[in-house]
Amino acid sequence: MIWKVFSGSVFFLMAGTVPGQVPASVTLTGCYDSARVYYPVFRENSLLQESLNLKIKNLNASWYPQVSFGAQAAYYSDITELNVNIPIPGIEFPKAPHEQYRMFLDLSQTIWDGGTSREQKLYEQKTAEATAKQLETEMQQLRERINNVYYLILLLKESEHLYEFSRQTLASRLAGMETAVNAGAAMLVQKNQIQAELLRTEQQLAEVRKDREAALGILGILTGTEFSDSTVFKIPVFSGEIISDTLIRPEVDVLDLQIAANKYLEQTIRTRNYPKILAFAQAGYGNPPGMNLLRNEWDFYWSAGIGMKWNLWDWNSTKREMRMASIQREKLAIRKETFETNTRTLLTQEKANMLKFREAVLRSDEIVRLHRQILSSMASGLENGVITATDYLAEHNTLLQAEISRSVNRLQLLRAITNYYTIQGTIESKVLGWENPVW
């Protein structure tokens, strides 16, 4: 019941237990640190670095000599021959064979690639940085989930204290009513009313404990830590008033890195039409050997040279690809602006929540003080038969709800501050210390 009111959403406890040592106390930022180590998605970091290293090695390999082997057997209908109509005794003019065979090794070495590999490496590096930073956005979402469960646990613990205090108060009043009934100073129905309310309070207390047990299990799954009912969840002490709305969010960094990567992608596309210079060599064994087509025998041959390739016209394909990359960069800039606008809207909402809950805490303190005075006066009236048990229980429940409301307001104020700094991306740096919850 309280769980749903406070969190605004339903959490489901996954099956299984979380191994590990049970801590005596825990902090919110400590839960963040545990989640960063334990949560599976963050194990991708090492894989991302390995993937980048492999891509860079492949790009570097484009500058290494490339060696390939080939073989060829061919028949030519027309061949090179000397058509001399003057017969010369003892002399036979050579001609190329119709069948030609060769086996060869080709070697090529890039001398200049127009800067393509350099721009490609810069693009891959920025893309890898953006992907790694993307994992930080997972941490941002995880912080928000941990915040919800952490403050839920605090509220449920405080509710447990309030229900336990209410149970003890009702048990004391029930004992007094039993004495009064036995003495004939009170009616049995009044005792039964208090006893029924005591049973209802005990039922609510049991429900709160079960809800807290489930919340502890969920936090354990998120952080890889086992918590017990005796674990103390400390509340944060924040530094002064909020004076800045500067965003330090990983999502902004991701978009900036993607924009930078897109610029390198444009450069990579542009360099495709730059001249490419390479050296080449071939060594082989064939019949006829190499370009000596008039030699009809097997022999070794080799050749070497330097060449250039320049794509002068590609029907504007490169121009269109560069425009598409430019459009993507503009879209990323719009996403960044949209994200910053939406996030600052959330900051404004949390500021309003802080003001609202500060005022609510002041009012609820006064409300609780007044209801405690009223209930204290009614307690003696109940024992003396001046008021009925119904009147007393009504005021008792009013006080209990006022105390629960005050606890909710206090935690909602802390949660609003926590949410503000979490949304801003500065939560770890804004916590000055931790203290035990004593309300």
Protein backbone atom coordinates (compact mmCIF):
# COMPACT_ATOMS: atom_id res chain seq x y z
CA MET A 1 0.00 0.00 0.00
CA ILE A 2 2.62 2.55 1.12
CA TRP A 3 4.98 1.11 -1.47
CA LYS A 4 2.65 2.07 -4.33
CA VAL A 5 1.89 5.53 -2.93
CA PHE A 6 5.55 6.43 -2.53
CA SER A 7 7.16 4.94 -5.62
CA GLY A 8 4.41 5.45 -8.15
CA SER A 9 5.26 2.12 -9.73
CA VAL A 10 5.26 -1.55 -8.86
CA PHE A 11 8.53 -3.39 -8.37
CA PHE A 12 8.74 -7.12 -8.92
CA LEU A 13 11.18 -9.25 -6.94
CA MET A 14 13.13 -11.65 -9.08
CA ALA A 15 13.63 -15.20 -7.92
CA GLY A 16 16.91 -16.28 -6.36
CA THR A 17 19.26 -14.94 -3.75
CA VAL A 18 22.20 -12.60 -4.07
CA PRO A 19 25.39 -13.94 -2.57
CA GLY A 20 27.75 -11.77 -0.55
CA GLN A 21 28.44 -10.43 2.89
CA VAL A 22 25.62 -8.53 4.60
CA PRO A 23 26.74 -4.92 5.27
CA ALA A 24 25.98 -3.26 8.61
CA SER A 25 25.17 0.03 6.87
CA VAL A 26 24.86 1.28 3.31
CA THR A 27 24.77 4.60 1.46
CA LEU A 28 23.13 5.61 -1.79
CA THR A 29 26.41 6.32 -3.59
CA GLY A 30 27.78 3.07 -2.20
CA CYS A 31 24.93 1.31 -3.99
CA TYR A 32 25.92 3.13 -7.19
CA ASP A 33 29.50 1.87 -6.86
CA SER A 34 28.39 -1.70 -6.20
CA ALA A 35 26.03 -1.62 -9.18
CA ARG A 36 28.80 -0.35 -11.46
CA VAL A 37 30.98 -3.32 -10.51
CA TYR A 38 28.22 -5.93 -10.49
CA TYR A 39 25.74 -4.95 -13.21
CA PRO A 40 26.39 -7.10 -16.33
CA VAL A 41 26.29 -4.34 -18.96
CA PHE A 42 29.45 -2.66 -17.61
CA ARG A 43 31.52 -5.71 -18.47
CA GLU A 44 31.25 -4.56 -22.09
CA ASN A 45 33.96 -1.93 -21.47
CA SER A 46 36.85 -4.33 -21.93
CA LEU A 47 35.20 -5.80 -25.04
CA LEU A 48 34.76 -2.34 -26.56
CA GLN A 49 38.45 -1.56 -26.09
CA GLU A 50 39.46 -4.88 -27.59
CA SER A 51 37.16 -4.29 -30.57
CA LEU A 52 38.66 -0.82 -31.14
CA ASN A 53 42.20 -2.22 -31.00
CA LEU A 54 41.32 -4.82 -33.63
CA LYS A 55 39.79 -2.19 -35.94
CA ILE A 56 42.86 0.05 -35.62
CA LYS A 57 45.14 -2.90 -36.37
CA ASN A 58 43.12 -3.68 -39.49
CA LEU A 59 43.39 -0.06 -40.64
CA ASN A 60 47.14 -0.07 -39.98
CA ALA A 61 47.39 -3.29 -41.98
CA SER A 62 46.27 -1.40 -45.09
CA TRP A 63 49.78 0.14 -45.11
CA TYR A 64 51.52 -3.23 -44.99
CA PRO A 65 52.60 -4.95 -48.22
CA GLN A 66 49.79 -7.04 -49.66
CA VAL A 67 50.84 -10.39 -51.14
CA SER A 68 48.64 -12.68 -53.23
CA PHE A 69 49.16 -15.83 -55.30
CA GLY A 70 47.56 -16.58 -58.65
CA ALA A 71 47.64 -19.13 -61.46
CA GLN A 72 46.30 -19.02 -64.99
CA ALA A 73 45.91 -21.31 -67.98
CA ALA A 74 44.51 -19.84 -71.20
CA TYR A 75 44.08 -20.58 -74.90
CA TYR A 76 44.24 -17.72 -77.44
CA SER A 77 42.84 -18.03 -80.95
CA ASP A 78 44.98 -15.12 -82.20
CA ILE A 79 48.63 -15.00 -81.28
CA THR A 80 51.68 -12.87 -81.98
CA GLU A 81 53.65 -14.09 -85.02
CA LEU A 82 55.96 -12.68 -87.67
CA ASN A 83 54.38 -12.84 -91.13
CA VAL A 84 57.48 -12.81 -93.37
CA ASN A 85 56.74 -13.95 -96.93
CA ILE A 86 60.41 -14.16 -97.94
CA PRO A 87 61.68 -17.69 -97.25
CA ILE A 88 65.11 -17.84 -95.65
CA PRO A 89 66.69 -21.29 -95.64
CA GLY A 90 67.44 -22.65 -92.14
CA ILE A 91 65.56 -19.87 -90.35
CA GLU A 92 62.12 -20.33 -88.78
CA PHE A 93 60.48 -17.22 -87.37
CA PRO A 94 59.07 -17.72 -83.83
CA LYS A 95 55.45 -17.24 -82.85
CA ALA A 96 53.63 -17.17 -79.52
CA PRO A 97 51.95 -20.41 -78.41
CA HIS A 98 48.19 -20.67 -78.43
CA GLU A 99 48.30 -22.18 -74.91
CA GLN A 100 49.76 -19.98 -72.20
CA TYR A 101 50.37 -20.88 -68.53
CA ARG A 102 51.59 -18.91 -65.57
CA MET A 103 51.88 -18.98 -61.77
CA PHE A 104 52.74 -15.74 -60.00
CA LEU A 105 53.03 -13.79 -56.74
CA ASP A 106 51.64 -10.24 -56.69
CA LEU A 107 52.93 -7.69 -54.18
CA SER A 108 51.46 -4.22 -53.71
CA GLN A 109 52.38 -1.44 -51.29
CA THR A 110 50.26 1.64 -50.60
CA ILE A 111 52.35 4.80 -50.77
CA TRP A 112 49.53 7.30 -50.24
CA ASP A 113 45.81 6.62 -49.79
CA GLY A 114 44.59 10.21 -49.81
CA GLY A 115 44.27 10.26 -46.01
CA THR A 116 41.43 7.71 -45.95
CA SER A 117 42.95 5.41 -43.33
CA ARG A 118 43.85 8.35 -41.05
CA GLU A 119 40.31 9.73 -41.11
CA GLN A 120 38.87 6.24 -40.73
CA LYS A 121 40.95 5.64 -37.59
CA LEU A 122 39.79 8.94 -36.08
CA TYR A 123 36.20 8.00 -36.90
CA GLU A 124 36.54 4.57 -35.27
CA GLN A 125 38.13 6.08 -32.15
CA LYS A 126 35.35 8.63 -31.69
CA THR A 127 32.72 5.99 -32.36
CA ALA A 128 34.27 3.71 -29.74
CA GLU A 129 34.37 6.58 -27.23
CA ALA A 130 30.70 7.30 -27.90
CA THR A 131 29.80 3.63 -27.44
CA ALA A 132 31.76 3.46 -24.17
CA LYS A 133 30.08 6.64 -22.95
CA GLN A 134 26.75 5.11 -23.90
CA LEU A 135 27.32 2.64 -21.07
CA GLU A 136 27.32 5.62 -18.71
CA THR A 137 23.76 6.34 -19.79
CA GLU A 138 22.93 2.85 -18.56
CA MET A 139 24.44 3.88 -15.23
CA GLN A 140 22.29 7.01 -15.24
CA GLN A 141 19.15 4.91 -15.63
CA LEU A 142 20.42 2.51 -13.00
CA ARG A 143 20.93 5.39 -10.54
CA GLU A 144 17.30 6.40 -10.98
CA ARG A 145 16.13 2.84 -10.30
CA ILE A 146 18.37 2.60 -7.24
CA ASN A 147 17.06 5.96 -5.98
CA ASN A 148 13.48 4.68 -6.17
CA VAL A 149 14.20 1.48 -4.27
CA TYR A 150 16.54 3.13 -1.74
CA TYR A 151 14.03 5.77 -0.66
CA LEU A 152 11.26 3.20 -0.69
CA ILE A 153 13.27 1.13 1.81
CA LEU A 154 13.76 4.21 4.00
CA LEU A 155 10.03 4.97 3.95
CA LEU A 156 9.04 1.40 4.71
CA LYS A 157 11.45 1.29 7.66
CA GLU A 158 10.03 4.52 9.05
CA SER A 159 6.49 3.22 8.49
CA GLU A 160 7.45 0.06 10.35
CA HIS A 161 8.59 2.15 13.32
CA LEU A 162 5.33 4.13 13.30
CA TYR A 163 3.13 1.05 13.08
CA GLU A 164 5.15 -0.63 15.82
CA PHE A 165 4.75 2.42 18.06
CA SER A 166 1.02 2.45 17.26
CA ARG A 167 0.80 -1.25 18.11
CA GLN A 168 2.49 -0.71 21.46
CA THR A 169 0.21 2.23 22.24
CA LEU A 170 -2.91 0.22 21.40
CA ALA A 171 -1.64 -2.75 23.41
CA SER A 172 -1.17 -0.47 26.41
CA ARG A 173 -4.65 1.01 25.98
CA LEU A 174 -6.11 -2.48 25.60
CA ALA A 175 -4.54 -3.55 28.89
CA GLY A 176 -6.02 -0.46 30.56
CA MET A 177 -9.46 -1.16 29.08
CA GLU A 178 -9.38 -4.78 30.28
CA THR A 179 -8.75 -3.52 33.79
CA ALA A 180 -11.58 -1.00 33.44
CA VAL A 181 -13.98 -3.64 32.08
CA ASN A 182 -13.15 -6.00 34.93
CA ALA A 183 -13.78 -3.16 37.37
CA GLY A 184 -17.08 -2.32 35.66
CA ALA A 185 -15.87 1.14 34.65
CA ALA A 186 -16.02 0.49 30.89
CA MET A 187 -18.10 -1.51 28.46
CA LEU A 188 -16.81 -4.66 26.78
CA VAL A 189 -17.57 -3.24 23.32
CA GLN A 190 -15.00 -0.49 23.84
CA LYS A 191 -12.35 -3.06 24.69
CA ASN A 192 -13.26 -5.07 21.59
CA GLN A 193 -12.98 -1.99 19.39
CA ILE A 194 -9.44 -1.34 20.60
CA GLN A 195 -8.54 -5.01 20.22
CA ALA A 196 -9.83 -5.04 16.62
CA GLU A 197 -7.80 -1.92 15.83
CA LEU A 198 -4.74 -3.58 17.38
CA LEU A 199 -5.17 -6.60 15.10
CA ARG A 200 -5.55 -4.35 12.05
CA THR A 201 -2.36 -2.48 12.99
CA GLU A 202 -0.48 -5.75 13.39
CA GLN A 203 -1.66 -6.81 9.93
CA GLN A 204 -0.46 -3.52 8.41
CA LEU A 205 2.86 -3.91 10.21
CA ALA A 206 3.30 -7.39 8.71
CA GLU A 207 2.51 -6.06 5.21
CA VAL A 208 5.06 -3.26 5.56
CA ARG A 209 7.73 -5.74 6.64
CA LYS A 210 7.00 -7.98 3.65
CA ASP A 211 7.14 -5.00 1.28
CA ARG A 212 10.49 -3.94 2.76
CA GLU A 213 11.84 -7.46 2.43
CA ALA A 214 10.92 -7.43 -1.26
CA ALA A 215 12.51 -4.00 -1.77
CA LEU A 216 15.72 -5.19 -0.10
CA GLY A 217 15.78 -8.13 -2.49
CA ILE A 218 15.39 -5.86 -5.52
CA LEU A 219 18.19 -3.56 -4.39
CA GLY A 220 20.33 -6.64 -3.80
CA ILE A 221 19.75 -7.78 -7.38
CA LEU A 222 20.67 -4.35 -8.77
CA THR A 223 23.85 -4.01 -6.70
CA GLY A 224 25.00 -7.59 -6.21
CA THR A 225 24.86 -7.10 -2.43
CA GLU A 226 22.84 -8.99 0.15
CA PHE A 227 20.95 -6.81 2.64
CA SER A 228 19.17 -7.78 5.84
CA ASP A 229 16.50 -6.11 7.93
CA SER A 230 19.20 -4.91 10.32
CA THR A 231 21.15 -3.09 7.57
CA VAL A 232 21.07 0.66 8.25
CA PHE A 233 20.25 2.74 5.17
CA LYS A 234 21.80 6.15 5.73
CA ILE A 235 20.33 9.38 4.44
CA PRO A 236 22.44 11.87 2.44
CA VAL A 237 23.46 15.32 3.64
CA PHE A 238 23.63 17.70 0.70
CA SER A 239 25.62 20.88 0.19
CA GLY A 240 23.62 24.10 0.57
CA GLU A 241 21.15 25.56 -1.88
CA ILE A 242 20.99 24.61 -5.54
CA ILE A 243 22.41 27.46 -7.61
CA SER A 244 23.32 25.81 -10.91
CA ASP A 245 21.39 23.99 -13.62
CA THR A 246 24.47 23.03 -15.64
CA LEU A 247 24.06 19.57 -17.12
CA ILE A 248 26.85 17.02 -16.73
CA ARG A 249 25.04 14.13 -18.34
CA PRO A 250 26.60 11.22 -20.25
CA GLU A 251 23.88 11.52 -22.89
CA VAL A 252 25.23 14.96 -23.84
CA ASP A 253 28.76 13.56 -24.06
CA VAL A 254 27.52 10.69 -26.24
CA LEU A 255 25.87 13.09 -28.68
CA ASP A 256 28.96 15.34 -28.76
CA LEU A 257 31.16 12.34 -29.53
CA GLN A 258 28.76 11.12 -32.21
CA ILE A 259 28.79 14.58 -33.82
CA ALA A 260 32.61 14.56 -33.78
CA ALA A 261 32.67 11.03 -35.23
CA ASN A 262 30.29 12.15 -37.97
CA LYS A 263 32.69 14.91 -38.99
CA TYR A 264 35.46 12.35 -39.43
CA LEU A 265 33.05 10.18 -41.41
CA GLU A 266 32.48 13.09 -43.80
CA GLN A 267 36.23 13.46 -44.20
CA THR A 268 36.59 9.73 -44.83
CA ILE A 269 33.97 9.90 -47.58
CA ARG A 270 35.66 12.95 -49.13
CA THR A 271 39.06 11.22 -49.33
CA ARG A 272 37.66 8.36 -51.40
CA ASN A 273 38.01 10.48 -54.53
CA TYR A 274 41.56 11.60 -53.76
CA PRO A 275 44.40 10.09 -55.84
CA LYS A 276 45.81 6.81 -54.53
CA ILE A 277 49.47 5.96 -55.19
CA LEU A 278 50.91 2.47 -54.84
CA ALA A 279 53.95 0.42 -55.80
CA PHE A 280 53.58 -3.07 -57.22
CA ALA A 281 55.69 -6.07 -58.20
CA GLN A 282 55.06 -9.50 -59.67
CA ALA A 283 57.26 -12.59 -59.79
CA GLY A 284 56.16 -15.68 -61.66
CA TYR A 285 56.91 -18.82 -63.58
CA GLY A 286 55.18 -19.39 -66.88
CA ASN A 287 55.11 -20.33 -70.54
CA PRO A 288 55.70 -17.95 -72.19
CA PRO A 289 57.56 -16.15 -69.37
CA GLY A 290 56.16 -12.68 -68.67
CA MET A 291 55.84 -10.47 -71.74
CA ASN A 292 58.28 -12.54 -73.80
CA LEU A 293 55.43 -13.97 -75.86
CA LEU A 294 57.65 -15.36 -78.61
CA ARG A 295 59.53 -17.63 -76.21
CA ASN A 296 57.71 -20.94 -76.09
CA GLU A 297 59.22 -22.45 -72.94
CA TRP A 298 58.85 -22.36 -69.14
CA ASP A 299 60.94 -19.81 -67.25
CA PHE A 300 60.90 -17.33 -64.36
CA TYR A 301 60.08 -13.64 -64.82
CA TRP A 302 59.41 -10.55 -62.72
CA SER A 303 58.13 -7.00 -63.06
CA ALA A 304 57.84 -3.92 -60.80
CA GLY A 305 56.45 -0.43 -61.03
CA ILE A 306 54.47 2.40 -59.48
CA GLY A 307 50.90 3.41 -60.22
CA MET A 308 48.17 5.91 -59.43
CA LYS A 309 44.40 5.59 -59.28
CA TRP A 310 42.15 8.63 -59.30
CA ASN A 311 38.39 8.40 -59.48
CA LEU A 312 37.52 11.52 -61.47
CA TRP A 313 33.76 11.01 -61.69
CA ASP A 314 31.38 8.91 -59.58
CA TRP A 315 28.07 10.42 -60.69
CA ASN A 316 27.93 12.53 -57.50
CA SER A 317 27.73 9.46 -55.24
CA THR A 318 30.37 10.91 -52.89
CA LYS A 319 28.59 14.24 -52.76
CA ARG A 320 25.31 12.57 -51.82
CA GLU A 321 26.98 10.41 -49.15
CA MET A 322 28.59 13.50 -47.62
CA ARG A 323 25.24 15.26 -47.56
CA MET A 324 23.66 12.26 -45.82
CA ALA A 325 26.44 12.35 -43.21
CA SER A 326 25.89 16.09 -42.79
CA ILE A 327 22.16 15.52 -42.29
CA GLN A 328 22.92 12.92 -39.64
CA ARG A 329 25.18 15.41 -37.84
CA GLU A 330 22.42 18.03 -37.89
CA LYS A 331 19.95 15.48 -36.52
CA LEU A 332 22.35 14.68 -33.67
CA ALA A 333 22.65 18.38 -32.84
CA ILE A 334 18.84 18.63 -32.72
CA ARG A 335 18.67 15.56 -30.45
CA LYS A 336 21.19 17.17 -28.12
CA GLU A 337 19.21 20.39 -27.96
CA THR A 338 15.98 18.46 -27.38
CA PHE A 339 17.55 16.38 -24.62
CA GLU A 340 18.91 19.46 -22.85
CA THR A 341 15.52 21.19 -23.08
CA ASN A 342 13.65 18.17 -21.71
CA THR A 343 16.20 17.63 -18.95
CA ARG A 344 16.05 21.25 -17.82
CA THR A 345 12.27 20.89 -17.71
CA LEU A 346 12.74 17.99 -15.29
CA LEU A 347 15.13 20.10 -13.19
CA THR A 348 12.53 22.86 -12.99
CA GLN A 349 9.94 20.33 -11.85
CA GLU A 350 12.24 18.98 -9.13
CA LYS A 351 12.94 22.52 -7.92
CA ALA A 352 9.21 23.05 -7.57
CA ASN A 353 8.93 19.73 -5.71
CA MET A 354 11.63 20.82 -3.26
CA LEU A 355 9.76 24.02 -2.43
CA LYS A 356 6.49 22.12 -2.12
CA PHE A 357 7.87 19.45 0.21
CA ARG A 358 9.78 21.95 2.36
CA GLU A 359 6.51 23.72 3.08
CA ALA A 360 4.74 20.39 3.58
CA VAL A 361 7.35 19.29 6.15
CA LEU A 362 6.85 22.48 8.18
CA ARG A 363 3.07 22.07 8.12
CA SER A 364 3.19 18.36 8.94
CA ASP A 365 5.46 18.99 11.96
CA GLU A 366 2.86 21.33 13.40
CA ILE A 367 -0.01 18.97 12.55
CA VAL A 368 1.68 16.05 14.32
CA ARG A 369 2.43 18.20 17.38
CA LEU A 370 -1.22 19.25 17.69
CA HIS A 371 -2.62 15.74 17.21
CA ARG A 372 -0.24 14.35 19.83
CA GLN A 373 -1.56 16.88 22.33
CA ILE A 374 -5.14 15.99 21.43
CA LEU A 375 -4.53 12.24 21.73
CA SER A 376 -2.74 12.67 25.05
CA SER A 377 -5.78 14.50 26.43
CA MET A 378 -8.17 11.89 25.02
CA ALA A 379 -6.20 9.01 26.58
CA SER A 380 -7.10 10.08 30.10
CA GLY A 381 -10.68 10.75 28.98
CA LEU A 382 -10.92 7.18 27.64
CA GLU A 383 -9.69 5.71 30.91
CA ASN A 384 -12.17 7.83 32.88
CA GLY A 385 -15.07 7.00 30.57
CA VAL A 386 -15.49 10.58 29.36
CA ILE A 387 -15.03 9.62 25.67
CA THR A 388 -15.73 6.43 23.77
CA ALA A 389 -13.20 4.05 22.27
CA THR A 390 -14.47 5.05 18.83
CA ASP A 391 -13.51 8.68 19.44
CA TYR A 392 -10.11 7.69 20.75
CA LEU A 393 -9.38 5.32 17.85
CA ALA A 394 -10.41 7.94 15.31
CA GLU A 395 -7.92 10.42 16.77
CA HIS A 396 -5.28 7.70 17.11
CA ASN A 397 -5.59 6.85 13.41
CA THR A 398 -5.53 10.53 12.50
CA LEU A 399 -2.24 10.94 14.37
CA LEU A 400 -0.80 7.82 12.76
CA GLN A 401 -1.67 9.07 9.27
CA ALA A 402 -0.24 12.50 10.10
CA GLU A 403 3.04 10.92 11.22
CA ILE A 404 3.20 8.76 8.10
CA SER A 405 2.45 11.82 5.96
CA ARG A 406 5.24 13.74 7.69
CA SER A 407 7.69 10.90 7.05
CA VAL A 408 6.62 10.79 3.41
CA ASN A 409 7.10 14.56 3.07
CA ARG A 410 10.57 14.43 4.62
CA LEU A 411 11.64 11.60 2.38
CA GLN A 412 10.03 13.19 -0.66
CA LEU A 413 12.04 16.35 0.04
CA LEU A 414 15.27 14.34 0.23
CA ARG A 415 14.26 12.40 -2.84
CA ALA A 416 13.50 15.60 -4.80
CA ILE A 417 16.99 16.91 -3.97
CA THR A 418 18.50 13.55 -4.91
CA ASN A 419 16.52 13.48 -8.15
CA TYR A 420 17.65 17.00 -9.03
CA TYR A 421 21.32 16.16 -8.67
CA THR A 422 20.82 12.80 -10.38
CA ILE A 423 19.12 14.47 -13.35
CA GLN A 424 21.86 17.11 -13.41
CA GLY A 425 24.52 14.38 -13.31
CA THR A 426 26.30 15.64 -10.17
CA ILE A 427 24.85 13.44 -7.43
CA GLU A 428 28.15 11.90 -6.25
CA SER A 429 29.86 15.29 -5.90
CA LYS A 430 26.98 16.99 -4.05
CA VAL A 431 26.79 14.64 -1.06
CA LEU A 432 28.69 16.07 1.92
CA GLY A 433 28.13 13.12 4.23
CA TRP A 434 25.73 10.54 5.59
CA GLU A 435 23.73 10.19 8.78
CA ASN A 436 21.44 7.64 10.34
CA PRO A 437 17.71 8.31 9.87
CA VAL A 438 16.26 9.45 13.21
CA TRP A 439 12.75 10.84 12.84
